[in-house]
């Protein structure tokens, strides 16, 4: 019953509900176009032991054990604050994540990039993939590791297309839509409540006046007694 009363009240205040819905929809569309989408790309790289650390002709994928610590060190070097700041200066707003893929036992490095444009996402990912091999080579050269025993890093997967992410957009549109509808319904309910109260007060006042007119006066009562 109360739901039906509320629905009837909203229908009575259609001149508030309808413009409120139109304004809310307009704001939601504006937010959708005002918030740009994000572009996501990722790459995975695998550390391979040097040929000098394996029997001749051996399969390198059978000798990946023990390379996880080296992958952790490499991740820390590539994901250092200096590197991230440099990328952010060249590509403002870019978000970078560099970590070892713990979902596998192998020394796999996972690089993910989120940017406001597809070009930035592509450029940053390519730079980080190249930097991984360069940093690994520099580390081993500085330690005097023989060329034949040096680890190498090979790309396993590199996204050639960005994945469009609209999560921020959707959150903004949803927030505006919910807020606009709540405000519209609140105003409509408030106006309808005031209107109902005024009608009740007017009705009660009218009933009081009628009762006073219909009630016999003191003189009339005395006259009847005589």
C-alpha atoms as a PDB file:
ATOM      1  CA  UNK A   1       0.000   0.000   0.000  1.00  0.00           C
ATOM      2  CA  UNK A   2       2.748   2.419   0.884  1.00  0.00           C
ATOM      3  CA  UNK A   3       4.543   1.597  -2.357  1.00  0.00           C
ATOM      4  CA  UNK A   4       1.384   2.348  -4.295  1.00  0.00           C
ATOM      5  CA  UNK A   5       0.998   5.653  -2.440  1.00  0.00           C
ATOM      6  CA  UNK A   6       4.620   6.536  -3.225  1.00  0.00           C
ATOM      7  CA  UNK A   7       4.111   5.683  -6.879  1.00  0.00           C
ATOM      8  CA  UNK A   8       0.991   7.814  -7.063  1.00  0.00           C
ATOM      9  CA  UNK A   9       2.867  10.664  -5.394  1.00  0.00           C
ATOM     10  CA  UNK A  10       5.629  10.465  -7.999  1.00  0.00           C
ATOM     11  CA  UNK A  11       3.065  10.447 -10.770  1.00  0.00           C
ATOM     12  CA  UNK A  12       1.451  13.528  -9.281  1.00  0.00           C
ATOM     13  CA  UNK A  13       4.843  15.266  -9.296  1.00  0.00           C
ATOM     14  CA  UNK A  14       5.742  14.235 -12.833  1.00  0.00           C
ATOM     15  CA  UNK A  15       6.822  17.803 -13.532  1.00  0.00           C
ATOM     16  CA  UNK A  16       9.711  17.200 -11.090  1.00  0.00           C
ATOM     17  CA  UNK A  17      10.472  13.553 -11.893  1.00  0.00           C
ATOM     18  CA  UNK A  18      10.597  13.913 -15.681  1.00  0.00           C
ATOM     19  CA  UNK A  19      12.997  16.913 -15.803  1.00  0.00           C
ATOM     20  CA  UNK A  20      15.105  15.267 -13.099  1.00  0.00           C
ATOM     21  CA  UNK A  21      15.503  12.115 -15.179  1.00  0.00           C
ATOM     22  CA  UNK A  22      16.358  14.128 -18.287  1.00  0.00           C
ATOM     23  CA  UNK A  23      18.955  16.207 -16.422  1.00  0.00           C
ATOM     24  CA  UNK A  24      20.449  13.067 -14.829  1.00  0.00           C
ATOM     25  CA  UNK A  25      20.721  11.338 -18.196  1.00  0.00           C
ATOM     26  CA  UNK A  26      22.383  14.406 -19.707  1.00  0.00           C
ATOM     27  CA  UNK A  27      24.902  14.594 -16.885  1.00  0.00           C
ATOM     28  CA  UNK A  28      25.663  10.872 -17.194  1.00  0.00           C
ATOM     29  CA  UNK A  29      26.331  11.243 -20.922  1.00  0.00           C
ATOM     30  CA  UNK A  30      28.541  14.254 -20.219  1.00  0.00           C
ATOM     31  CA  UNK A  31      30.566  12.320 -17.645  1.00  0.00           C
ATOM     32  CA  UNK A  32      30.988   9.422 -20.089  1.00  0.00           C
ATOM     33  CA  UNK A  33      32.571  11.695 -22.692  1.00  0.00           C
ATOM     34  CA  UNK A  34      34.485  13.778 -20.126  1.00  0.00           C
ATOM     35  CA  UNK A  35      36.337  10.790 -18.645  1.00  0.00           C
ATOM     36  CA  UNK A  36      38.735   9.277 -21.203  1.00  0.00           C
ATOM     37  CA  UNK A  37      39.116   5.481 -21.424  1.00  0.00           C
ATOM     38  CA  UNK A  38      42.282   3.690 -20.357  1.00  0.00           C
ATOM     39  CA  UNK A  39      44.390   1.485 -22.612  1.00  0.00           C
ATOM     40  CA  UNK A  40      45.997  -1.636 -21.147  1.00  0.00           C
ATOM     41  CA  UNK A  41      48.857  -3.708 -22.524  1.00  0.00           C
ATOM     42  CA  UNK A  42      51.011  -6.410 -20.961  1.00  0.00           C
ATOM     43  CA  UNK A  43      54.029  -8.526 -21.726  1.00  0.00           C
ATOM     44  CA  UNK A  44      55.688 -11.551 -20.147  1.00  0.00           C
ATOM     45  CA  UNK A  45      59.381 -12.397 -20.338  1.00  0.00           C
ATOM     46  CA  UNK A  46      61.270 -15.520 -19.355  1.00  0.00           C
ATOM     47  CA  UNK A  47      64.791 -15.814 -17.962  1.00  0.00           C
ATOM     48  CA  UNK A  48      66.915 -18.461 -19.656  1.00  0.00           C
ATOM     49  CA  UNK A  49      70.205 -19.781 -18.191  1.00  0.00           C
ATOM     50  CA  UNK A  50      73.424 -19.336 -20.134  1.00  0.00           C
ATOM     51  CA  UNK A  51      74.567 -22.166 -22.376  1.00  0.00           C
ATOM     52  CA  UNK A  52      77.745 -22.436 -20.329  1.00  0.00           C
ATOM     53  CA  UNK A  53      75.717 -23.532 -17.314  1.00  0.00           C
ATOM     54  CA  UNK A  54      74.057 -26.429 -19.109  1.00  0.00           C
ATOM     55  CA  UNK A  55      75.266 -29.641 -20.720  1.00  0.00           C
ATOM     56  CA  UNK A  56      75.942 -29.285 -24.411  1.00  0.00           C
ATOM     57  CA  UNK A  57      72.795 -29.588 -26.467  1.00  0.00           C
ATOM     58  CA  UNK A  58      70.560 -29.575 -23.364  1.00  0.00           C
ATOM     59  CA  UNK A  59      67.064 -28.157 -23.357  1.00  0.00           C
ATOM     60  CA  UNK A  60      67.278 -24.775 -21.547  1.00  0.00           C
ATOM     61  CA  UNK A  61      63.670 -25.013 -20.375  1.00  0.00           C
ATOM     62  CA  UNK A  62      64.656 -27.940 -18.178  1.00  0.00           C
ATOM     63  CA  UNK A  63      67.134 -25.749 -16.256  1.00  0.00           C
ATOM     64  CA  UNK A  64      64.912 -22.880 -15.122  1.00  0.00           C
ATOM     65  CA  UNK A  65      65.050 -23.868 -11.478  1.00  0.00           C
ATOM     66  CA  UNK A  66      66.935 -21.428  -9.271  1.00  0.00           C
ATOM     67  CA  UNK A  67      66.395 -18.431 -11.572  1.00  0.00           C
ATOM     68  CA  UNK A  68      63.470 -17.019  -9.568  1.00  0.00           C
ATOM     69  CA  UNK A  69      65.753 -14.939  -7.280  1.00  0.00           C
ATOM     70  CA  UNK A  70      67.453 -13.470 -10.351  1.00  0.00           C
ATOM     71  CA  UNK A  71      64.048 -12.573 -11.746  1.00  0.00           C
ATOM     72  CA  UNK A  72      63.144 -10.837  -8.467  1.00  0.00           C
ATOM     73  CA  UNK A  73      66.316  -8.757  -8.610  1.00  0.00           C
ATOM     74  CA  UNK A  74      65.635  -7.828 -12.215  1.00  0.00           C
ATOM     75  CA  UNK A  75      62.069  -6.823 -11.369  1.00  0.00           C
ATOM     76  CA  UNK A  76      63.292  -4.572  -8.583  1.00  0.00           C
ATOM     77  CA  UNK A  77      65.809  -2.903 -10.882  1.00  0.00           C
ATOM     78  CA  UNK A  78      63.367  -2.307 -13.729  1.00  0.00           C
ATOM     79  CA  UNK A  79      60.600  -1.166 -11.407  1.00  0.00           C
ATOM     80  CA  UNK A  80      62.787   1.270  -9.492  1.00  0.00           C
ATOM     81  CA  UNK A  81      61.448   4.710  -8.704  1.00  0.00           C
ATOM     82  CA  UNK A  82      63.892   6.377 -11.102  1.00  0.00           C
ATOM     83  CA  UNK A  83      62.696   4.286 -14.028  1.00  0.00           C
ATOM     84  CA  UNK A  84      59.025   4.848 -13.241  1.00  0.00           C
ATOM     85  CA  UNK A  85      59.539   8.589 -12.815  1.00  0.00           C
ATOM     86  CA  UNK A  86      61.320   8.749 -16.153  1.00  0.00           C
ATOM     87  CA  UNK A  87      58.425   6.985 -17.866  1.00  0.00           C
ATOM     88  CA  UNK A  88      55.893   9.234 -16.169  1.00  0.00           C
ATOM     89  CA  UNK A  89      57.712  12.371 -17.325  1.00  0.00           C
ATOM     90  CA  UNK A  90      57.675  11.236 -20.949  1.00  0.00           C
ATOM     91  CA  UNK A  91      54.154   9.820 -20.755  1.00  0.00           C
ATOM     92  CA  UNK A  92      52.078  11.626 -18.083  1.00  0.00           C
ATOM     93  CA  UNK A  93      49.385   9.593 -16.362  1.00  0.00           C
ATOM     94  CA  UNK A  94      50.852   6.206 -17.275  1.00  0.00           C
ATOM     95  CA  UNK A  95      50.542   3.422 -14.693  1.00  0.00           C
ATOM     96  CA  UNK A  96      53.167   0.679 -14.665  1.00  0.00           C
ATOM     97  CA  UNK A  97      53.265  -2.648 -12.871  1.00  0.00           C
ATOM     98  CA  UNK A  98      56.363  -4.861 -12.978  1.00  0.00           C
ATOM     99  CA  UNK A  99      56.469  -8.077 -10.962  1.00  0.00           C
ATOM    100  CA  UNK A 100      57.414 -11.691 -11.129  1.00  0.00           C
ATOM    101  CA  UNK A 101      54.531 -13.883 -12.148  1.00  0.00           C
ATOM    102  CA  UNK A 102      53.987 -15.907  -8.978  1.00  0.00           C
ATOM    103  CA  UNK A 103      51.241 -17.977 -10.603  1.00  0.00           C
ATOM    104  CA  UNK A 104      53.979 -20.086 -12.189  1.00  0.00           C
ATOM    105  CA  UNK A 105      57.106 -21.636 -10.719  1.00  0.00           C
ATOM    106  CA  UNK A 106      59.295 -20.336 -13.526  1.00  0.00           C
ATOM    107  CA  UNK A 107      61.268 -17.061 -13.651  1.00  0.00           C
ATOM    108  CA  UNK A 108      58.640 -15.147 -15.605  1.00  0.00           C
ATOM    109  CA  UNK A 109      58.442 -11.357 -15.439  1.00  0.00           C
ATOM    110  CA  UNK A 110      55.070  -9.722 -15.973  1.00  0.00           C
ATOM    111  CA  UNK A 111      54.934  -6.107 -17.204  1.00  0.00           C
ATOM    112  CA  UNK A 112      51.626  -4.283 -17.474  1.00  0.00           C
ATOM    113  CA  UNK A 113      51.002  -0.728 -18.637  1.00  0.00           C
ATOM    114  CA  UNK A 114      47.848   1.386 -18.378  1.00  0.00           C
ATOM    115  CA  UNK A 115      47.807   4.714 -20.227  1.00  0.00           C
ATOM    116  CA  UNK A 116      45.341   7.318 -21.431  1.00  0.00           C
ATOM    117  CA  UNK A 117      46.221   6.645 -25.068  1.00  0.00           C
ATOM    118  CA  UNK A 118      47.005   3.579 -27.107  1.00  0.00           C
ATOM    119  CA  UNK A 119      50.222   5.136 -28.388  1.00  0.00           C
ATOM    120  CA  UNK A 120      51.539   5.749 -24.868  1.00  0.00           C
ATOM    121  CA  UNK A 121      50.688   2.209 -23.785  1.00  0.00           C
ATOM    122  CA  UNK A 122      52.525   0.768 -26.783  1.00  0.00           C
ATOM    123  CA  UNK A 123      55.575   2.997 -26.412  1.00  0.00           C
ATOM    124  CA  UNK A 124      56.022   2.425 -22.666  1.00  0.00           C
ATOM    125  CA  UNK A 125      55.610  -1.340 -22.972  1.00  0.00           C
ATOM    126  CA  UNK A 126      58.194  -1.545 -25.747  1.00  0.00           C
ATOM    127  CA  UNK A 127      60.677   0.530 -23.742  1.00  0.00           C
ATOM    128  CA  UNK A 128      60.258  -1.641 -20.654  1.00  0.00           C
ATOM    129  CA  UNK A 129      60.655  -4.880 -22.619  1.00  0.00           C
ATOM    130  CA  UNK A 130      63.873  -3.561 -24.175  1.00  0.00           C
ATOM    131  CA  UNK A 131      65.089  -2.223 -20.833  1.00  0.00           C
ATOM    132  CA  UNK A 132      64.741  -5.644 -19.217  1.00  0.00           C
ATOM    133  CA  UNK A 133      67.285  -7.188 -21.568  1.00  0.00           C
ATOM    134  CA  UNK A 134      69.604  -4.173 -21.265  1.00  0.00           C
ATOM    135  CA  UNK A 135      69.553  -4.118 -17.449  1.00  0.00           C
ATOM    136  CA  UNK A 136      70.154  -7.880 -17.247  1.00  0.00           C
ATOM    137  CA  UNK A 137      73.106  -7.613 -19.575  1.00  0.00           C
ATOM    138  CA  UNK A 138      74.574  -4.650 -17.665  1.00  0.00           C
ATOM    139  CA  UNK A 139      74.310  -6.494 -14.332  1.00  0.00           C
ATOM    140  CA  UNK A 140      76.147  -9.542 -15.599  1.00  0.00           C
ATOM    141  CA  UNK A 141      78.789  -7.526 -17.403  1.00  0.00           C
ATOM    142  CA  UNK A 142      79.475  -5.533 -14.240  1.00  0.00           C
ATOM    143  CA  UNK A 143      79.915  -8.775 -12.289  1.00  0.00           C
ATOM    144  CA  UNK A 144      82.301 -10.160 -14.888  1.00  0.00           C
ATOM    145  CA  UNK A 145      80.101 -13.108 -15.801  1.00  0.00           C
ATOM    146  CA  UNK A 146      81.534 -14.884 -18.879  1.00  0.00           C
ATOM    147  CA  UNK A 147      79.516 -14.316 -22.025  1.00  0.00           C
ATOM    148  CA  UNK A 148      78.680 -17.988 -22.418  1.00  0.00           C
ATOM    149  CA  UNK A 149      77.337 -18.192 -18.864  1.00  0.00           C
ATOM    150  CA  UNK A 150      75.173 -15.112 -18.930  1.00  0.00           C
ATOM    151  CA  UNK A 151      71.420 -15.404 -18.540  1.00  0.00           C
ATOM    152  CA  UNK A 152      69.202 -14.031 -21.250  1.00  0.00           C
ATOM    153  CA  UNK A 153      65.602 -12.886 -21.258  1.00  0.00           C
ATOM    154  CA  UNK A 154      63.179 -13.725 -24.029  1.00  0.00           C
ATOM    155  CA  UNK A 155      59.667 -12.375 -24.610  1.00  0.00           C
ATOM    156  CA  UNK A 156      56.922 -14.923 -24.141  1.00  0.00           C
ATOM    157  CA  UNK A 157      53.944 -12.716 -24.883  1.00  0.00           C
ATOM    158  CA  UNK A 158      53.742  -9.067 -25.932  1.00  0.00           C
ATOM    159  CA  UNK A 159      50.360  -7.477 -26.600  1.00  0.00           C
ATOM    160  CA  UNK A 160      50.195  -5.898 -30.043  1.00  0.00           C
ATOM    161  CA  UNK A 161      46.781  -4.370 -29.326  1.00  0.00           C
ATOM    162  CA  UNK A 162      45.528  -2.500 -26.301  1.00  0.00           C
ATOM    163  CA  UNK A 163      42.605  -3.609 -24.198  1.00  0.00           C
ATOM    164  CA  UNK A 164      40.144  -0.782 -23.695  1.00  0.00           C
ATOM    165  CA  UNK A 165      39.188  -0.312 -20.038  1.00  0.00           C
ATOM    166  CA  UNK A 166      36.118   1.730 -19.134  1.00  0.00           C
ATOM    167  CA  UNK A 167      35.959   0.996 -15.403  1.00  0.00           C
ATOM    168  CA  UNK A 168      36.574   4.616 -14.362  1.00  0.00           C
ATOM    169  CA  UNK A 169      34.013   5.803 -16.865  1.00  0.00           C
ATOM    170  CA  UNK A 170      31.429   3.325 -15.649  1.00  0.00           C
ATOM    171  CA  UNK A 171      31.983   4.265 -12.018  1.00  0.00           C
ATOM    172  CA  UNK A 172      31.559   7.951 -12.844  1.00  0.00           C
ATOM    173  CA  UNK A 173      28.401   7.398 -14.891  1.00  0.00           C
ATOM    174  CA  UNK A 174      26.923   5.072 -12.257  1.00  0.00           C
ATOM    175  CA  UNK A 175      27.623   7.553  -9.476  1.00  0.00           C
ATOM    176  CA  UNK A 176      26.030  10.438 -11.370  1.00  0.00           C
ATOM    177  CA  UNK A 177      23.000   8.342 -12.346  1.00  0.00           C
ATOM    178  CA  UNK A 178      22.356   7.067  -8.825  1.00  0.00           C
ATOM    179  CA  UNK A 179      22.903  10.487  -7.281  1.00  0.00           C
ATOM    180  CA  UNK A 180      20.625  12.216  -9.787  1.00  0.00           C
ATOM    181  CA  UNK A 181      17.803   9.713  -9.351  1.00  0.00           C
ATOM    182  CA  UNK A 182      18.034   9.861  -5.556  1.00  0.00           C
ATOM    183  CA  UNK A 183      17.895  13.675  -5.569  1.00  0.00           C
ATOM    184  CA  UNK A 184      14.990  13.677  -8.039  1.00  0.00           C
ATOM    185  CA  UNK A 185      12.931  11.207  -6.025  1.00  0.00           C
ATOM    186  CA  UNK A 186      13.728  13.011  -2.790  1.00  0.00           C
ATOM    187  CA  UNK A 187      12.575  16.384  -4.163  1.00  0.00           C
ATOM    188  CA  UNK A 188       9.435  14.870  -5.664  1.00  0.00           C
ATOM    189  CA  UNK A 189       8.604  13.132  -2.390  1.00  0.00           C
ATOM    190  CA  UNK A 190       9.312  16.270  -0.394  1.00  0.00           C
ATOM    191  CA  UNK A 191       7.080  18.465  -2.574  1.00  0.00           C
ATOM    192  CA  UNK A 192       4.329  15.859  -2.569  1.00  0.00           C
ATOM    193  CA  UNK A 193       4.552  15.546   1.208  1.00  0.00           C
ATOM    194  CA  UNK A 194       4.157  19.296   1.658  1.00  0.00           C
ATOM    195  CA  UNK A 195       1.221  19.301  -0.726  1.00  0.00           C
ATOM    196  CA  UNK A 196      -0.503  16.468   1.099  1.00  0.00           C
ATOM    197  CA  UNK A 197       0.015  18.187   4.436  1.00  0.00           C
ATOM    198  CA  UNK A 198      -1.442  21.459   3.132  1.00  0.00           C
ATOM    199  CA  UNK A 199      -4.503  19.619   1.820  1.00  0.00           C
ATOM    200  CA  UNK A 200      -4.997  17.874   5.146  1.00  0.00           C
ATOM    201  CA  UNK A 201      -4.702  21.153   7.050  1.00  0.00           C
ATOM    202  CA  UNK A 202      -7.137  22.833   4.684  1.00  0.00           C
ATOM    203  CA  UNK A 203      -9.571  19.938   5.056  1.00  0.00           C
ATOM    204  CA  UNK A 204      -9.341  19.983   8.845  1.00  0.00           C
ATOM    205  CA  UNK A 205      -9.860  23.771   8.887  1.00  0.00           C
ATOM    206  CA  UNK A 206     -12.918  23.423   6.660  1.00  0.00           C
ATOM    207  CA  UNK A 207     -14.362  20.711   8.913  1.00  0.00           C
ATOM    208  CA  UNK A 208     -13.876  22.933  11.959  1.00  0.00           C
ATOM    209  CA  UNK A 209     -15.722  25.815  10.296  1.00  0.00           C
ATOM    210  CA  UNK A 210     -18.596  23.561   9.324  1.00  0.00           C
ATOM    211  CA  UNK A 211     -18.880  22.167  12.844  1.00  0.00           C
ATOM    212  CA  UNK A 212     -18.972  25.671  14.310  1.00  0.00           C
ATOM    213  CA  UNK A 213     -21.758  26.726  11.930  1.00  0.00           C
ATOM    214  CA  UNK A 214     -23.850  23.648  12.631  1.00  0.00           C
ATOM    215  CA  UNK A 215     -23.491  23.889  16.442  1.00  0.00           C
ATOM    216  CA  UNK A 216     -26.514  25.672  18.079  1.00  0.00           C
ATOM    217  CA  UNK A 217     -25.774  28.954  19.888  1.00  0.00           C
ATOM    218  CA  UNK A 218     -26.398  29.680  23.573  1.00  0.00           C
ATOM    219  CA  UNK A 219     -29.358  32.061  22.852  1.00  0.00           C
ATOM    220  CA  UNK A 220     -31.095  29.479  20.697  1.00  0.00           C
ATOM    221  CA  UNK A 221     -30.753  26.885  23.401  1.00  0.00           C
ATOM    222  CA  UNK A 222     -32.198  29.277  26.011  1.00  0.00           C
ATOM    223  CA  UNK A 223     -35.103  30.129  23.732  1.00  0.00           C
ATOM    224  CA  UNK A 224     -35.964  26.529  23.292  1.00  0.00           C
ATOM    225  CA  UNK A 225     -35.999  26.007  27.066  1.00  0.00           C
ATOM    226  CA  UNK A 226     -38.463  28.817  27.574  1.00  0.00           C
END
